């Protein structure tokens, strides 16, 4: 089974939303589920319970977990270094030093001309991180 770029993009989106992604290597099936900490709550809900039970029965699968906050923090630090606008760099560096750095960083980027650039940078970095954690047999062919 080789994942398509669209499937990897979907996996990245699900992970970025805080869900775990499970891939059944025998049946080429991808399922997104709440994290293990939340699973008991969601298991009681009909819309998740069936998928949770199905994934639990898979014998040959892998689980991908969302990136840790420190990894996403590194994305923000590295993004700042790509900017040629020294004033924006300074504002974002201060934002990362404050309490609740993610919220402060987002507030500044969301209201700037760098908003789209940040989203593209973030998605590219997240995709590379996901691909690094996938077994080679799942990686798409390089064009």
C-alpha atoms as a PDB file:
ATOM      1  CA  UNK A   1       0.000   0.000   0.000  1.00  0.00           C
ATOM      2  CA  UNK A   2       1.276   3.431  -0.963  1.00  0.00           C
ATOM      3  CA  UNK A   3      -0.431   6.484   0.436  1.00  0.00           C
ATOM      4  CA  UNK A   4      -1.281   9.259  -1.995  1.00  0.00           C
ATOM      5  CA  UNK A   5      -0.239  12.836  -1.306  1.00  0.00           C
ATOM      6  CA  UNK A   6      -3.920  13.628  -0.701  1.00  0.00           C
ATOM      7  CA  UNK A   7      -4.141  10.872   1.926  1.00  0.00           C
ATOM      8  CA  UNK A   8      -1.022  12.178   3.654  1.00  0.00           C
ATOM      9  CA  UNK A   9      -2.473  15.695   3.590  1.00  0.00           C
ATOM     10  CA  UNK A  10      -5.667  14.323   5.165  1.00  0.00           C
ATOM     11  CA  UNK A  11      -3.596  12.541   7.841  1.00  0.00           C
ATOM     12  CA  UNK A  12      -1.745  15.794   8.594  1.00  0.00           C
ATOM     13  CA  UNK A  13      -5.044  17.670   8.913  1.00  0.00           C
ATOM     14  CA  UNK A  14      -6.459  15.058  11.298  1.00  0.00           C
ATOM     15  CA  UNK A  15      -3.316  15.034  13.449  1.00  0.00           C
ATOM     16  CA  UNK A  16      -3.255  18.822  13.529  1.00  0.00           C
ATOM     17  CA  UNK A  17      -6.830  18.702  14.903  1.00  0.00           C
ATOM     18  CA  UNK A  18      -5.595  16.537  17.786  1.00  0.00           C
ATOM     19  CA  UNK A  19      -6.839  13.169  16.523  1.00  0.00           C
ATOM     20  CA  UNK A  20      -4.790   9.997  16.315  1.00  0.00           C
ATOM     21  CA  UNK A  21      -4.596   8.333  12.909  1.00  0.00           C
ATOM     22  CA  UNK A  22      -4.638   4.549  12.609  1.00  0.00           C
ATOM     23  CA  UNK A  23      -3.647   2.782   9.386  1.00  0.00           C
ATOM     24  CA  UNK A  24      -4.608  -0.871   8.786  1.00  0.00           C
ATOM     25  CA  UNK A  25      -1.767  -2.228   6.679  1.00  0.00           C
ATOM     26  CA  UNK A  26      -3.718  -5.359   5.710  1.00  0.00           C
ATOM     27  CA  UNK A  27      -6.864  -3.642   4.416  1.00  0.00           C
ATOM     28  CA  UNK A  28      -5.477  -0.242   3.380  1.00  0.00           C
ATOM     29  CA  UNK A  29      -7.865   1.527   5.746  1.00  0.00           C
ATOM     30  CA  UNK A  30      -7.275   4.837   7.512  1.00  0.00           C
ATOM     31  CA  UNK A  31      -9.293   5.839  10.597  1.00  0.00           C
ATOM     32  CA  UNK A  32      -8.985   8.910  12.784  1.00  0.00           C
ATOM     33  CA  UNK A  33      -9.871   8.617  16.455  1.00  0.00           C
ATOM     34  CA  UNK A  34      -9.701  10.697  19.628  1.00  0.00           C
ATOM     35  CA  UNK A  35      -6.547  10.351  21.700  1.00  0.00           C
ATOM     36  CA  UNK A  36      -6.237   7.516  24.204  1.00  0.00           C
ATOM     37  CA  UNK A  37      -6.920   9.922  27.088  1.00  0.00           C
ATOM     38  CA  UNK A  38     -10.321  10.745  25.586  1.00  0.00           C
ATOM     39  CA  UNK A  39     -11.213   7.328  24.191  1.00  0.00           C
ATOM     40  CA  UNK A  40     -13.450   6.131  27.036  1.00  0.00           C
ATOM     41  CA  UNK A  41     -15.633   9.214  26.759  1.00  0.00           C
ATOM     42  CA  UNK A  42     -15.952   8.870  22.988  1.00  0.00           C
ATOM     43  CA  UNK A  43     -16.444   5.105  23.099  1.00  0.00           C
ATOM     44  CA  UNK A  44     -19.849   5.739  24.672  1.00  0.00           C
ATOM     45  CA  UNK A  45     -20.884   7.839  21.693  1.00  0.00           C
ATOM     46  CA  UNK A  46     -22.310   5.906  18.750  1.00  0.00           C
ATOM     47  CA  UNK A  47     -20.396   7.810  16.111  1.00  0.00           C
ATOM     48  CA  UNK A  48     -16.981   6.841  17.547  1.00  0.00           C
ATOM     49  CA  UNK A  49     -17.688   3.536  19.282  1.00  0.00           C
ATOM     50  CA  UNK A  50     -17.860   1.440  16.120  1.00  0.00           C
ATOM     51  CA  UNK A  51     -14.597   2.861  14.737  1.00  0.00           C
ATOM     52  CA  UNK A  52     -12.843   2.407  18.083  1.00  0.00           C
ATOM     53  CA  UNK A  53     -13.862  -1.257  18.177  1.00  0.00           C
ATOM     54  CA  UNK A  54     -12.858  -1.774  14.535  1.00  0.00           C
ATOM     55  CA  UNK A  55      -9.392  -0.264  15.025  1.00  0.00           C
ATOM     56  CA  UNK A  56      -8.958  -2.381  18.164  1.00  0.00           C
ATOM     57  CA  UNK A  57      -9.422  -5.523  16.063  1.00  0.00           C
ATOM     58  CA  UNK A  58      -6.729  -4.657  13.533  1.00  0.00           C
ATOM     59  CA  UNK A  59      -3.736  -6.986  13.792  1.00  0.00           C
ATOM     60  CA  UNK A  60      -1.298  -5.219  11.475  1.00  0.00           C
ATOM     61  CA  UNK A  61      -1.584  -1.477  11.905  1.00  0.00           C
ATOM     62  CA  UNK A  62       0.303   1.646  12.831  1.00  0.00           C
ATOM     63  CA  UNK A  63      -0.782   4.607  14.942  1.00  0.00           C
ATOM     64  CA  UNK A  64       0.287   8.176  14.324  1.00  0.00           C
ATOM     65  CA  UNK A  65      -0.106  10.695  17.129  1.00  0.00           C
ATOM     66  CA  UNK A  66      -0.317  14.487  16.951  1.00  0.00           C
ATOM     67  CA  UNK A  67       2.962  16.322  17.302  1.00  0.00           C
ATOM     68  CA  UNK A  68       3.943  17.434  20.776  1.00  0.00           C
ATOM     69  CA  UNK A  69       3.587  21.114  21.580  1.00  0.00           C
ATOM     70  CA  UNK A  70       7.375  21.518  21.791  1.00  0.00           C
ATOM     71  CA  UNK A  71       7.631  20.326  18.168  1.00  0.00           C
ATOM     72  CA  UNK A  72       5.044  22.871  17.035  1.00  0.00           C
ATOM     73  CA  UNK A  73       6.897  25.517  19.056  1.00  0.00           C
ATOM     74  CA  UNK A  74      10.014  24.680  17.009  1.00  0.00           C
ATOM     75  CA  UNK A  75       7.988  25.262  13.823  1.00  0.00           C
ATOM     76  CA  UNK A  76       7.194  28.777  15.048  1.00  0.00           C
ATOM     77  CA  UNK A  77      10.808  29.516  15.993  1.00  0.00           C
ATOM     78  CA  UNK A  78      12.071  28.265  12.642  1.00  0.00           C
ATOM     79  CA  UNK A  79       9.400  30.233  10.762  1.00  0.00           C
ATOM     80  CA  UNK A  80      10.588  33.449  12.385  1.00  0.00           C
ATOM     81  CA  UNK A  81      14.061  32.837  10.972  1.00  0.00           C
ATOM     82  CA  UNK A  82      12.654  32.670   7.419  1.00  0.00           C
ATOM     83  CA  UNK A  83      11.276  36.210   7.609  1.00  0.00           C
ATOM     84  CA  UNK A  84      13.200  39.133   6.141  1.00  0.00           C
ATOM     85  CA  UNK A  85      10.970  41.637   7.972  1.00  0.00           C
ATOM     86  CA  UNK A  86      12.998  42.387  11.111  1.00  0.00           C
ATOM     87  CA  UNK A  87      10.113  44.176  12.846  1.00  0.00           C
ATOM     88  CA  UNK A  88       7.848  41.120  12.390  1.00  0.00           C
ATOM     89  CA  UNK A  89      10.652  38.848  13.587  1.00  0.00           C
ATOM     90  CA  UNK A  90      10.986  40.933  16.747  1.00  0.00           C
ATOM     91  CA  UNK A  91       7.231  40.892  17.438  1.00  0.00           C
ATOM     92  CA  UNK A  92       7.023  37.137  16.969  1.00  0.00           C
ATOM     93  CA  UNK A  93      10.102  36.494  19.115  1.00  0.00           C
ATOM     94  CA  UNK A  94       8.530  38.507  21.939  1.00  0.00           C
ATOM     95  CA  UNK A  95       5.283  36.555  21.474  1.00  0.00           C
ATOM     96  CA  UNK A  96       7.161  33.280  21.982  1.00  0.00           C
ATOM     97  CA  UNK A  97       8.684  34.550  25.210  1.00  0.00           C
ATOM     98  CA  UNK A  98       5.322  35.455  26.735  1.00  0.00           C
ATOM     99  CA  UNK A  99       2.944  33.269  28.650  1.00  0.00           C
ATOM    100  CA  UNK A 100       0.664  31.432  26.149  1.00  0.00           C
ATOM    101  CA  UNK A 101       3.127  31.773  23.236  1.00  0.00           C
ATOM    102  CA  UNK A 102       0.898  29.887  20.767  1.00  0.00           C
ATOM    103  CA  UNK A 103      -1.982  32.329  21.238  1.00  0.00           C
ATOM    104  CA  UNK A 104       0.267  35.381  20.991  1.00  0.00           C
ATOM    105  CA  UNK A 105       2.042  34.060  17.894  1.00  0.00           C
ATOM    106  CA  UNK A 106      -1.292  33.267  16.240  1.00  0.00           C
ATOM    107  CA  UNK A 107      -2.745  36.687  17.040  1.00  0.00           C
ATOM    108  CA  UNK A 108       0.186  38.435  15.387  1.00  0.00           C
ATOM    109  CA  UNK A 109       0.401  36.179  12.326  1.00  0.00           C
ATOM    110  CA  UNK A 110      -3.373  36.097  11.782  1.00  0.00           C
ATOM    111  CA  UNK A 111      -3.438  39.867  11.343  1.00  0.00           C
ATOM    112  CA  UNK A 112      -0.397  40.140   9.101  1.00  0.00           C
ATOM    113  CA  UNK A 113       0.594  39.731   5.495  1.00  0.00           C
ATOM    114  CA  UNK A 114       2.452  36.559   6.565  1.00  0.00           C
ATOM    115  CA  UNK A 115      -0.687  34.623   7.478  1.00  0.00           C
ATOM    116  CA  UNK A 116      -0.811  32.452   4.345  1.00  0.00           C
ATOM    117  CA  UNK A 117       2.950  31.985   4.364  1.00  0.00           C
ATOM    118  CA  UNK A 118       2.742  30.713   7.946  1.00  0.00           C
ATOM    119  CA  UNK A 119      -0.005  28.201   7.081  1.00  0.00           C
ATOM    120  CA  UNK A 120       1.969  26.898   4.114  1.00  0.00           C
ATOM    121  CA  UNK A 121       5.161  26.670   6.180  1.00  0.00           C
ATOM    122  CA  UNK A 122       3.362  24.930   9.064  1.00  0.00           C
ATOM    123  CA  UNK A 123       1.645  22.416   6.778  1.00  0.00           C
ATOM    124  CA  UNK A 124       4.875  21.620   4.935  1.00  0.00           C
ATOM    125  CA  UNK A 125       6.767  21.052   8.196  1.00  0.00           C
ATOM    126  CA  UNK A 126       3.945  18.900   9.601  1.00  0.00           C
ATOM    127  CA  UNK A 127       3.846  16.845   6.399  1.00  0.00           C
ATOM    128  CA  UNK A 128       7.599  16.221   6.564  1.00  0.00           C
ATOM    129  CA  UNK A 129       7.290  15.154  10.210  1.00  0.00           C
ATOM    130  CA  UNK A 130       4.469  12.723   9.367  1.00  0.00           C
ATOM    131  CA  UNK A 131       6.317  11.266   6.390  1.00  0.00           C
ATOM    132  CA  UNK A 132       9.392  10.742   8.563  1.00  0.00           C
ATOM    133  CA  UNK A 133       7.263   8.567  10.871  1.00  0.00           C
ATOM    134  CA  UNK A 134       5.667   6.470   8.126  1.00  0.00           C
ATOM    135  CA  UNK A 135       7.179   3.148   7.039  1.00  0.00           C
ATOM    136  CA  UNK A 136       8.845   3.369   3.619  1.00  0.00           C
ATOM    137  CA  UNK A 137       6.268   1.043   2.032  1.00  0.00           C
ATOM    138  CA  UNK A 138       3.557   3.651   2.704  1.00  0.00           C
ATOM    139  CA  UNK A 139       5.408   6.631   1.265  1.00  0.00           C
ATOM    140  CA  UNK A 140       4.243   7.871  -2.143  1.00  0.00           C
ATOM    141  CA  UNK A 141       6.449   7.607  -5.182  1.00  0.00           C
ATOM    142  CA  UNK A 142       8.578  10.706  -5.716  1.00  0.00           C
ATOM    143  CA  UNK A 143       7.719  12.373  -8.990  1.00  0.00           C
END
